[in-house]
N, C-alpha and C. Protein backbone atom coordinates (compact mmCIF):
# COMPACT_ATOMS: atom_id res chain seq x y z
N UNK A 1 10.82 34.20 -40.39
CA UNK A 1 11.87 34.67 -39.96
C UNK A 1 13.18 33.71 -40.07
N UNK A 2 14.34 34.25 -40.86
CA UNK A 2 15.28 33.13 -41.23
C UNK A 2 16.23 33.25 -39.95
N UNK A 3 16.22 31.48 -40.06
CA UNK A 3 17.54 30.89 -39.11
C UNK A 3 18.66 31.77 -39.57
N UNK A 4 19.98 30.86 -38.59
CA UNK A 4 20.77 30.82 -38.72
C UNK A 4 21.54 30.02 -39.88
N UNK A 5 21.14 29.09 -40.01
CA UNK A 5 21.84 28.45 -40.90
C UNK A 5 21.06 28.89 -42.54
N UNK A 6 19.78 29.33 -42.51
CA UNK A 6 19.38 30.28 -43.64
C UNK A 6 20.20 31.30 -44.18
N UNK A 7 20.22 31.91 -43.37
CA UNK A 7 21.04 33.67 -43.67
C UNK A 7 22.32 33.58 -43.61
N UNK A 8 22.71 31.99 -43.45
CA UNK A 8 24.64 31.32 -43.51
C UNK A 8 24.54 30.78 -45.02
N UNK A 9 23.16 30.33 -45.34
CA UNK A 9 23.78 29.74 -46.91
C UNK A 9 23.43 30.92 -47.29
N UNK A 10 22.27 32.09 -47.23
CA UNK A 10 22.16 32.79 -48.19
C UNK A 10 23.22 34.24 -48.57
N UNK A 11 24.21 33.83 -47.23
CA UNK A 11 25.45 34.56 -47.19
C UNK A 11 26.78 34.21 -48.29
N UNK A 12 26.80 32.78 -48.20
CA UNK A 12 27.70 32.15 -48.62
C UNK A 12 26.85 32.03 -50.19
N UNK A 13 26.25 32.42 -50.50
CA UNK A 13 25.51 32.13 -51.80
C UNK A 13 26.06 33.56 -53.02
N UNK A 14 26.17 34.56 -51.84
CA UNK A 14 26.16 35.67 -52.17
C UNK A 14 27.52 36.15 -52.23
N UNK A 15 28.45 35.74 -51.58
CA UNK A 15 29.99 35.77 -51.95
C UNK A 15 30.55 34.52 -52.93
N UNK A 16 29.91 33.65 -53.19
CA UNK A 16 30.01 32.80 -54.05
C UNK A 16 29.75 33.48 -55.71
N UNK A 17 28.75 34.11 -55.50
CA UNK A 17 28.48 34.56 -57.12
C UNK A 17 29.05 36.06 -56.57
N UNK A 18 29.53 36.81 -56.15
CA UNK A 18 30.26 37.90 -56.03
C UNK A 18 31.82 37.43 -56.34
N UNK A 19 32.20 36.65 -56.06
CA UNK A 19 33.43 36.06 -56.13
C UNK A 19 33.57 35.78 -57.50
N UNK A 20 32.83 34.83 -58.67
CA UNK A 20 33.11 34.37 -59.67
C UNK A 20 33.30 36.00 -61.00
N UNK A 21 32.71 36.65 -60.59
CA UNK A 21 33.27 37.46 -61.65
C UNK A 21 34.41 37.85 -61.46
N UNK A 22 34.67 38.48 -60.13
CA UNK A 22 36.33 38.89 -59.48
C UNK A 22 37.60 38.01 -60.16
N UNK A 23 37.04 36.91 -60.08
CA UNK A 23 38.00 35.71 -60.42
C UNK A 23 37.76 35.63 -61.96
N UNK A 24 37.07 36.23 -62.61
CA UNK A 24 36.92 36.25 -64.37
C UNK A 24 37.90 36.90 -64.54
N UNK A 25 37.34 38.63 -64.00
CA UNK A 25 38.43 39.59 -64.01
C UNK A 25 39.95 39.70 -63.70
N UNK A 26 40.22 39.09 -62.92
CA UNK A 26 41.34 38.72 -62.75
C UNK A 26 42.01 38.02 -63.54
N UNK A 27 42.04 37.12 -64.01
CA UNK A 27 42.19 36.33 -65.18
C UNK A 27 42.61 36.79 -66.14
N UNK A 28 41.55 37.77 -66.62
CA UNK A 28 41.66 38.60 -67.98
C UNK A 28 42.54 40.29 -67.62
N UNK A 29 42.78 40.35 -66.54
CA UNK A 29 43.74 41.40 -66.24
C UNK A 29 45.31 40.58 -65.91
N UNK A 30 45.64 39.69 -66.13
CA UNK A 30 46.83 39.03 -65.66
C UNK A 30 46.79 37.89 -66.60
N UNK A 31 47.42 37.36 -67.17
CA UNK A 31 46.90 36.57 -68.06
C UNK A 31 48.36 35.49 -67.56
N UNK A 32 48.22 34.23 -68.09
CA UNK A 32 48.96 33.34 -67.45
C UNK A 32 50.68 33.00 -68.55
N UNK A 33 51.16 33.65 -67.99
CA UNK A 33 52.28 33.01 -68.95
C UNK A 33 53.70 32.58 -68.48
N UNK A 34 54.07 31.68 -69.41
CA UNK A 34 55.16 30.59 -69.08
C UNK A 34 56.35 31.52 -68.37
N UNK A 35 57.05 30.86 -67.17
CA UNK A 35 58.28 31.77 -66.29
C UNK A 35 59.38 31.24 -67.63
N UNK A 36 59.57 29.99 -67.94
CA UNK A 36 60.66 29.19 -68.84
C UNK A 36 60.70 30.60 -70.25
N UNK A 37 59.33 30.78 -70.92
CA UNK A 37 59.66 31.36 -71.73
C UNK A 37 58.06 32.43 -71.84
N UNK A 38 58.88 33.33 -71.18
CA UNK A 38 57.80 34.77 -71.34
C UNK A 38 56.74 35.01 -72.26
N UNK A 39 57.07 34.66 -74.03
CA UNK A 39 56.30 35.00 -74.87
C UNK A 39 54.91 34.17 -74.73
N UNK A 40 55.20 33.07 -74.73
CA UNK A 40 54.21 31.76 -73.98
C UNK A 40 52.81 32.16 -73.12
N UNK A 41 51.53 32.49 -73.96
CA UNK A 41 50.82 32.29 -72.81
C UNK A 41 49.99 31.33 -72.77
N UNK A 42 49.71 30.68 -71.31
CA UNK A 42 48.91 29.43 -71.20
C UNK A 42 47.89 29.76 -70.53
N UNK A 43 46.68 28.50 -70.38
CA UNK A 43 45.65 28.58 -70.03
C UNK A 43 45.48 29.03 -68.35
N UNK A 44 44.49 29.57 -68.10
CA UNK A 44 44.12 30.24 -66.85
C UNK A 44 44.80 28.89 -65.75
N UNK A 45 45.52 29.55 -64.68
CA UNK A 45 45.28 28.73 -63.37
C UNK A 45 44.33 28.07 -63.43
N UNK A 46 43.33 28.56 -62.94
CA UNK A 46 42.39 28.11 -62.72
C UNK A 46 41.98 26.53 -63.09
N UNK A 47 42.63 26.00 -64.46
CA UNK A 47 42.40 24.90 -65.32
C UNK A 47 42.81 23.75 -64.42
N UNK A 48 44.28 24.36 -63.76
CA UNK A 48 45.20 23.15 -63.51
C UNK A 48 44.37 23.03 -61.53
N UNK A 49 43.62 23.98 -61.08
CA UNK A 49 43.12 24.21 -59.52
C UNK A 49 42.16 23.09 -60.08
N UNK A 50 41.24 23.06 -60.39
CA UNK A 50 40.23 22.43 -61.05
C UNK A 50 40.57 20.60 -61.48
N UNK A 51 42.04 21.14 -62.07
CA UNK A 51 42.42 19.34 -62.65
C UNK A 51 43.18 18.71 -60.97
N UNK A 52 43.78 19.69 -59.89
CA UNK A 52 44.29 19.18 -58.87
C UNK A 52 42.87 18.74 -57.94
N UNK A 53 41.92 19.78 -57.48
CA UNK A 53 40.42 19.34 -57.19
C UNK A 53 39.90 17.75 -57.37
N UNK A 54 39.58 17.71 -58.85
CA UNK A 54 39.09 16.57 -59.55
C UNK A 54 40.20 15.25 -59.01
N UNK A 55 41.59 15.53 -58.75
CA UNK A 55 42.16 14.26 -58.78
C UNK A 55 42.14 13.64 -57.48
N UNK A 56 42.83 14.79 -56.68
CA UNK A 56 42.67 14.47 -55.23
C UNK A 56 40.94 13.84 -54.98
N UNK A 57 40.01 15.17 -55.26
CA UNK A 57 38.46 14.42 -54.74
C UNK A 57 38.43 12.52 -55.77
N UNK A 58 38.60 12.83 -56.69
CA UNK A 58 38.50 11.59 -57.16
C UNK A 58 39.53 10.58 -56.37
N UNK A 59 40.88 10.34 -56.25
CA UNK A 59 41.66 9.71 -55.36
C UNK A 59 41.01 9.12 -53.91
N UNK A 60 40.40 9.91 -53.23
CA UNK A 60 39.65 10.12 -52.34
C UNK A 60 38.36 9.33 -52.00
N UNK A 61 37.63 9.52 -53.54
CA UNK A 61 36.92 8.57 -53.88
C UNK A 61 37.08 7.15 -54.08
N UNK A 62 38.16 6.55 -55.15
CA UNK A 62 39.02 5.56 -55.53
C UNK A 62 38.74 4.88 -53.98
N UNK A 63 39.74 5.73 -53.04
CA UNK A 63 40.31 4.57 -52.13
C UNK A 63 39.01 4.55 -50.99
N UNK A 64 37.76 5.05 -50.85
CA UNK A 64 36.54 4.37 -50.33
C UNK A 64 35.62 3.35 -50.85
N UNK A 65 35.59 3.68 -52.60
CA UNK A 65 35.23 2.90 -53.08
C UNK A 65 35.80 1.32 -53.56
N UNK A 66 37.27 1.48 -52.97
CA UNK A 66 37.94 -0.06 -54.00
C UNK A 66 38.25 -0.34 -51.72
N UNK A 67 38.47 0.32 -50.68
CA UNK A 67 38.58 -0.45 -49.67
C UNK A 67 37.13 -0.61 -48.47
N UNK A 68 36.07 -0.37 -49.19
CA UNK A 68 35.02 -0.73 -48.42
C UNK A 68 33.92 -1.58 -48.67
N UNK A 69 33.69 -2.43 -47.73
CA UNK A 69 33.01 -3.24 -47.63
C UNK A 69 31.76 -3.32 -47.42
N UNK A 70 31.50 -2.15 -46.94
CA UNK A 70 29.59 -1.90 -46.46
C UNK A 70 29.09 -1.63 -47.24
N UNK A 71 29.18 -1.15 -49.23
CA UNK A 71 28.12 -1.10 -50.05
C UNK A 71 27.90 -2.40 -50.05
N UNK A 72 26.70 -2.48 -50.91
CA UNK A 72 25.52 -3.84 -51.66
C UNK A 72 26.43 -3.89 -53.14
N UNK A 73 26.28 -2.62 -53.66
CA UNK A 73 27.13 -2.74 -55.26
C UNK A 73 27.90 -1.76 -54.98
N UNK A 74 29.51 -1.15 -55.18
CA UNK A 74 29.95 -0.56 -55.40
C UNK A 74 30.25 -0.43 -56.66
N UNK A 75 29.78 -0.93 -57.31
CA UNK A 75 30.56 -0.77 -58.94
C UNK A 75 30.49 0.50 -59.35
N UNK A 76 29.23 1.52 -59.31
CA UNK A 76 28.78 2.88 -60.33
C UNK A 76 29.88 3.68 -59.32
N UNK A 77 30.05 3.62 -57.61
CA UNK A 77 30.92 4.07 -57.35
C UNK A 77 31.97 3.78 -57.98
N UNK A 78 32.83 2.71 -57.70
CA UNK A 78 34.10 2.55 -58.20
C UNK A 78 34.74 3.66 -59.88
N UNK A 79 33.24 3.28 -60.89
CA UNK A 79 33.30 3.78 -62.31
C UNK A 79 33.26 5.33 -62.29
N UNK A 80 32.57 5.86 -61.22
CA UNK A 80 32.67 7.27 -60.74
C UNK A 80 34.10 8.25 -60.54
N UNK A 81 34.14 7.24 -59.30
CA UNK A 81 35.52 7.69 -58.93
C UNK A 81 36.69 7.58 -59.87
N UNK A 82 36.86 6.39 -60.65
CA UNK A 82 37.83 6.44 -61.85
C UNK A 82 37.82 7.76 -62.86
N UNK A 83 36.20 7.56 -63.02
CA UNK A 83 36.21 8.90 -64.17
C UNK A 83 36.10 10.32 -63.42
N UNK A 84 36.63 10.35 -62.31
CA UNK A 84 36.54 11.74 -61.72
C UNK A 84 37.73 11.88 -61.73
N UNK A 85 39.17 10.84 -61.10
CA UNK A 85 40.54 11.05 -61.49
C UNK A 85 41.00 10.67 -63.09
N UNK A 86 40.60 10.54 -63.54
CA UNK A 86 40.45 10.40 -65.25
C UNK A 86 40.22 12.07 -65.94
N UNK A 87 38.76 12.51 -65.08
CA UNK A 87 38.94 13.81 -65.61
C UNK A 87 39.80 15.23 -64.94
N UNK A 88 40.56 14.50 -63.54
CA UNK A 88 41.20 15.38 -63.33
C UNK A 88 42.46 15.68 -63.95
N UNK A 89 42.64 14.42 -64.48
CA UNK A 89 44.11 14.23 -65.08
C UNK A 89 43.92 14.49 -66.75
N UNK A 90 43.34 14.88 -67.15
CA UNK A 90 42.98 15.33 -68.69
C UNK A 90 42.92 16.81 -68.18
N UNK A 91 42.37 17.80 -67.17
CA UNK A 91 42.20 19.47 -67.06
C UNK A 91 44.07 19.50 -66.73
N UNK A 92 44.69 18.66 -66.01
CA UNK A 92 46.19 18.95 -65.62
C UNK A 92 46.31 18.94 -67.22
N UNK A 93 46.52 17.82 -67.79
CA UNK A 93 46.95 17.42 -69.13
C UNK A 93 46.83 18.66 -70.14
N UNK A 94 45.57 19.73 -70.15
CA UNK A 94 45.62 20.57 -70.90
C UNK A 94 46.41 21.64 -70.35
N UNK A 95 46.26 22.21 -69.22
CA UNK A 95 47.21 23.32 -68.62
C UNK A 95 48.33 23.36 -69.03
N UNK A 96 49.33 21.63 -68.77
CA UNK A 96 50.32 21.35 -69.04
C UNK A 96 50.77 21.59 -70.83
N UNK A 97 49.85 21.30 -71.33
CA UNK A 97 50.75 21.31 -72.95
C UNK A 97 49.95 22.46 -73.70
N UNK A 98 48.33 23.22 -73.34
CA UNK A 98 48.18 24.17 -74.23
C UNK A 98 49.04 25.36 -73.96
N UNK A 99 49.87 26.03 -75.13
CA UNK A 99 49.94 27.30 -75.26
C UNK A 99 50.15 28.06 -76.15
N UNK A 100 50.04 29.29 -76.35
CA UNK A 100 50.32 30.12 -77.71
C UNK A 100 51.01 31.18 -77.98
N UNK A 101 52.19 31.60 -78.41
CA UNK A 101 52.61 32.46 -78.73
C UNK A 101 52.78 33.46 -79.68
N UNK A 102 52.58 34.55 -80.05
CA UNK A 102 52.10 35.47 -81.16
C UNK A 102 52.94 36.21 -81.44
N UNK A 103 53.71 36.54 -82.75
CA UNK A 103 54.80 37.19 -83.29
C UNK A 103 54.42 37.79 -83.92
N UNK A 104 55.42 39.28 -84.45
CA UNK A 104 55.10 39.49 -85.25
C UNK A 104 54.84 39.16 -86.68
N UNK A 105 55.46 37.57 -87.38
CA UNK A 105 54.78 37.13 -88.54
C UNK A 105 54.51 36.53 -88.35
N UNK A 106 54.46 35.52 -87.28
CA UNK A 106 54.06 34.17 -87.09
C UNK A 106 52.77 33.72 -85.42
N UNK A 107 52.83 32.96 -85.54
CA UNK A 107 52.36 32.49 -83.84
C UNK A 107 52.58 31.13 -83.97
N UNK A 108 53.27 30.46 -83.06
CA UNK A 108 53.56 29.27 -81.99
C UNK A 108 52.44 29.09 -81.50
N UNK A 109 52.15 27.66 -81.08
CA UNK A 109 51.31 27.37 -80.45
C UNK A 109 51.53 25.50 -80.08
N UNK A 110 51.17 25.36 -79.01
CA UNK A 110 50.77 23.86 -79.10
C UNK A 110 49.64 23.16 -78.52
N UNK A 111 48.95 21.94 -79.25
CA UNK A 111 47.63 22.13 -78.86
C UNK A 111 47.41 21.39 -77.50
N UNK A 112 45.85 21.46 -77.52
CA UNK A 112 45.86 20.65 -75.75
C UNK A 112 46.14 19.02 -75.97
N UNK A 113 46.57 18.22 -77.07
CA UNK A 113 47.39 16.86 -77.30
C UNK A 113 48.67 16.98 -77.08
N UNK A 114 49.57 18.40 -77.14
CA UNK A 114 50.92 18.37 -77.16
C UNK A 114 51.83 18.35 -78.48
N UNK A 115 50.88 18.51 -79.40
CA UNK A 115 52.00 18.78 -80.78
C UNK A 115 51.46 20.38 -80.93
N UNK A 116 53.00 20.64 -80.87
CA UNK A 116 53.21 21.47 -81.80
C UNK A 116 53.58 22.32 -83.02
N UNK A 117 53.02 23.61 -83.39
CA UNK A 117 52.94 24.18 -84.71
C UNK A 117 53.06 25.43 -84.74
N UNK A 118 53.28 26.07 -85.91
CA UNK A 118 53.14 27.28 -86.10
C UNK A 118 52.10 27.66 -87.31
N UNK A 119 51.46 29.01 -87.54
CA UNK A 119 50.88 29.61 -88.31
C UNK A 119 51.32 30.88 -88.76
N UNK A 120 52.32 30.95 -90.30
CA UNK A 120 52.62 32.08 -90.53
C UNK A 120 51.47 32.76 -91.26
N UNK A 121 51.48 33.92 -91.23
CA UNK A 121 50.23 35.13 -91.30
C UNK A 121 50.09 35.16 -92.72
N UNK A 122 51.04 34.86 -93.55
CA UNK A 122 50.74 34.80 -95.03
C UNK A 122 50.33 33.97 -95.72
N UNK A 123 50.02 32.71 -94.72
CA UNK A 123 49.82 31.27 -94.97
C UNK A 123 48.51 30.98 -94.81
N UNK A 124 47.75 31.83 -94.04
CA UNK A 124 46.84 31.91 -93.73
C UNK A 124 45.51 32.24 -94.71
N UNK A 125 44.76 30.26 -94.78
CA UNK A 125 43.86 30.97 -96.08
C UNK A 125 42.30 30.70 -95.34
N UNK A 126 42.03 30.76 -94.06
CA UNK A 126 40.54 31.12 -93.50
C UNK A 126 40.94 31.47 -92.28
N UNK A 127 39.95 32.25 -91.93
CA UNK A 127 39.99 33.15 -90.96
C UNK A 127 38.51 33.16 -90.30
N UNK A 128 37.65 32.90 -88.94
CA UNK A 128 36.66 33.29 -88.81
C UNK A 128 36.29 34.15 -87.23
N UNK A 129 35.92 35.10 -87.29
CA UNK A 129 35.57 35.31 -85.81
C UNK A 129 34.25 34.93 -85.43
N UNK A 130 33.79 34.12 -84.56
CA UNK A 130 32.15 34.11 -84.30
C UNK A 130 31.82 34.12 -82.79
N UNK A 131 31.00 34.08 -82.19
CA UNK A 131 30.58 34.10 -80.61
C UNK A 131 29.72 32.45 -80.34
N UNK A 132 30.84 32.62 -79.39
CA UNK A 132 30.91 30.90 -78.47
C UNK A 132 30.36 31.20 -77.14
N UNK A 133 29.07 30.96 -76.64
CA UNK A 133 28.97 31.36 -75.49
C UNK A 133 29.13 32.48 -74.65
N UNK A 134 28.56 33.52 -75.81
CA UNK A 134 28.63 35.26 -75.39
C UNK A 134 29.94 35.75 -75.71
N UNK A 135 31.02 34.80 -76.33
CA UNK A 135 32.60 35.22 -76.28
C UNK A 135 32.57 35.06 -77.25
N UNK A 136 33.70 36.23 -77.83
CA UNK A 136 34.39 35.70 -79.28
C UNK A 136 34.95 34.66 -79.65
N UNK A 137 35.26 34.13 -80.47
CA UNK A 137 36.20 32.87 -80.40
C UNK A 137 36.74 33.62 -82.22
N UNK A 138 38.26 33.50 -82.18
CA UNK A 138 38.59 33.31 -83.43
C UNK A 138 39.59 32.20 -83.73
N UNK A 139 39.31 31.43 -85.12
CA UNK A 139 39.65 30.48 -85.62
C UNK A 139 40.43 30.56 -86.82
N UNK A 140 41.28 29.73 -86.85
CA UNK A 140 42.34 30.11 -88.08
C UNK A 140 42.81 29.33 -88.53
N UNK A 141 42.99 28.85 -89.91
CA UNK A 141 43.38 27.74 -90.26
C UNK A 141 44.80 28.56 -91.43
N UNK A 142 45.29 27.29 -91.76
CA UNK A 142 46.79 27.77 -92.18
C UNK A 142 46.41 26.75 -93.38
N UNK A 143 47.30 27.19 -94.65
CA UNK A 143 47.44 26.25 -95.92
C UNK A 143 48.30 24.72 -95.90
N UNK A 144 49.03 25.06 -94.65
CA UNK A 144 49.83 23.48 -93.83
C UNK A 144 48.53 22.82 -93.57
N UNK A 145 47.47 23.25 -92.83
CA UNK A 145 46.55 22.49 -92.04
C UNK A 145 46.18 22.66 -90.61
N UNK A 146 47.24 23.36 -90.51
CA UNK A 146 47.14 23.70 -88.89
C UNK A 146 46.11 24.77 -88.67
N UNK A 147 45.32 24.02 -87.35
CA UNK A 147 44.33 25.02 -86.83
C UNK A 147 44.71 26.07 -85.46
N UNK A 148 44.15 26.91 -85.52
CA UNK A 148 44.25 27.29 -84.28
C UNK A 148 43.15 28.14 -83.75
N UNK A 149 42.28 27.62 -82.50
CA UNK A 149 40.95 28.82 -81.94
C UNK A 149 40.99 28.57 -80.64
N UNK A 150 40.90 30.36 -80.66
CA UNK A 150 40.79 30.93 -79.15
C UNK A 150 40.29 32.29 -79.05
N UNK A 151 40.12 32.14 -77.86
CA UNK A 151 39.17 33.74 -77.40
C UNK A 151 39.97 34.87 -77.09
N UNK A 152 39.85 35.48 -78.16
CA UNK A 152 41.15 37.06 -78.71
C UNK A 152 41.14 37.88 -77.21
N UNK A 153 39.82 38.21 -76.30
CA UNK A 153 39.67 38.43 -75.28
C UNK A 153 40.44 38.14 -74.10
N UNK A 154 40.67 36.84 -74.39
CA UNK A 154 41.04 36.07 -72.92
C UNK A 154 43.19 35.76 -73.62
N UNK A 155 43.51 35.99 -74.59
CA UNK A 155 44.95 35.66 -75.19
C UNK A 155 45.09 36.96 -75.73
N UNK A 156 45.98 37.71 -75.71
CA UNK A 156 46.85 38.83 -76.21
C UNK A 156 47.33 37.93 -78.07
N UNK A 157 46.61 38.05 -78.90
CA UNK A 157 46.92 38.06 -79.94
C UNK A 157 46.78 39.08 -81.01
N UNK A 158 47.44 40.04 -81.04
CA UNK A 158 47.34 41.41 -81.29
C UNK A 158 48.15 41.28 -82.47
N UNK A 159 49.21 40.85 -82.42
CA UNK A 159 50.16 40.45 -83.89
C UNK A 159 49.16 40.17 -85.22
N UNK A 160 48.34 39.25 -84.17
CA UNK A 160 47.55 38.22 -85.42
C UNK A 160 46.31 39.10 -85.93
N UNK A 161 46.02 39.33 -84.94
CA UNK A 161 44.77 40.66 -85.34
C UNK A 161 45.16 41.61 -85.93
N UNK A 162 46.24 41.86 -85.80
CA UNK A 162 46.49 43.26 -86.83
C UNK A 162 47.04 42.41 -88.43
N UNK A 163 47.47 41.32 -88.37
CA UNK A 163 47.57 41.19 -89.61
C UNK A 163 46.36 41.07 -90.86
N UNK A 164 45.15 40.17 -89.40
CA UNK A 164 44.26 40.29 -89.92
C UNK A 164 43.73 41.64 -90.56
N UNK A 165 43.59 42.57 -89.79
CA UNK A 165 43.09 44.35 -90.30
C UNK A 165 43.96 44.02 -91.50
N UNK A 166 45.29 44.21 -91.80
CA UNK A 166 46.06 44.32 -92.99
C UNK A 166 45.44 43.57 -93.86
N UNK A 167 45.22 42.59 -93.64
CA UNK A 167 44.23 41.59 -94.67
C UNK A 167 42.69 42.30 -95.46
N UNK A 168 42.51 42.99 -94.68
CA UNK A 168 41.21 43.33 -94.75
C UNK A 168 41.41 44.54 -95.79
N UNK A 169 42.15 45.60 -94.69
CA UNK A 169 42.63 46.61 -95.87
C UNK A 169 42.87 46.39 -97.28
N UNK A 170 43.84 45.57 -97.21
CA UNK A 170 44.75 45.85 -98.43
C UNK A 170 44.52 44.67 -99.60
N UNK A 171 43.66 43.66 -98.90
CA UNK A 171 43.43 42.37 -99.32
C UNK A 171 44.29 41.48 -99.60
N UNK A 172 45.19 41.59 -98.90
CA UNK A 172 46.78 40.68 -99.23
C UNK A 172 47.21 40.53 -97.63
N UNK A 173 47.74 39.20 -97.07
CA UNK A 173 48.03 38.79 -96.22
C UNK A 173 49.85 39.39 -96.08
N UNK A 174 50.35 40.29 -95.04
CA UNK A 174 51.55 41.00 -95.29
C UNK A 174 52.52 40.12 -94.62
N UNK A 175 53.84 40.16 -95.34
CA UNK A 175 54.57 39.61 -95.93
C UNK A 175 55.77 39.96 -94.43
N UNK A 176 56.92 38.60 -94.31
CA UNK A 176 57.33 38.84 -93.54
C UNK A 176 57.97 39.94 -93.53
N UNK A 177 58.34 40.46 -92.03
CA UNK A 177 59.01 42.12 -91.46
C UNK A 177 58.53 42.98 -92.48
N UNK A 178 56.75 43.17 -93.07
CA UNK A 178 56.25 44.10 -93.79
C UNK A 178 55.58 44.82 -92.37
N UNK A 179 55.56 46.31 -92.72
CA UNK A 179 55.06 47.43 -91.49
C UNK A 179 53.80 46.71 -91.17
N UNK A 180 52.30 47.11 -90.24
CA UNK A 180 51.10 46.86 -90.11
C UNK A 180 50.70 48.19 -89.83
């Protein structure tokens, strides 16, 4: 016979396992769009939530690690707490910096490190659609050296995909303003 604690753990596991696909479905149906620039699609808000959780937990761990006198050797605890704080800051930086804004003839984007760039569709020298962890991954490289890689299921890059279909059908990239 299962105890109350075991039943509680099983129910919690079922709720978490059912909640993960629901959150993923919601994130795909409601992309995170910038309020100032509605054409910019950003990383899912979950990235920011994970960053804040890591930052707060790391700060609490640091507080304990650097103020406690009870541990024999707190060095490992201190290193781990600082690493978690740095991880939280990295997640928040990724969320803050990255965006993609596809237009009819060009895709504007900003990398995770904050460098803004753009790729004009007629300047694309290489593109690949691969599968990464069961998800499609589109990689685009321009003649100027700009590179963009993203999941086309997660971000609406339909103008870029239309330009790729144009290239595959006609053997050349569409010129700016040319109908697709």
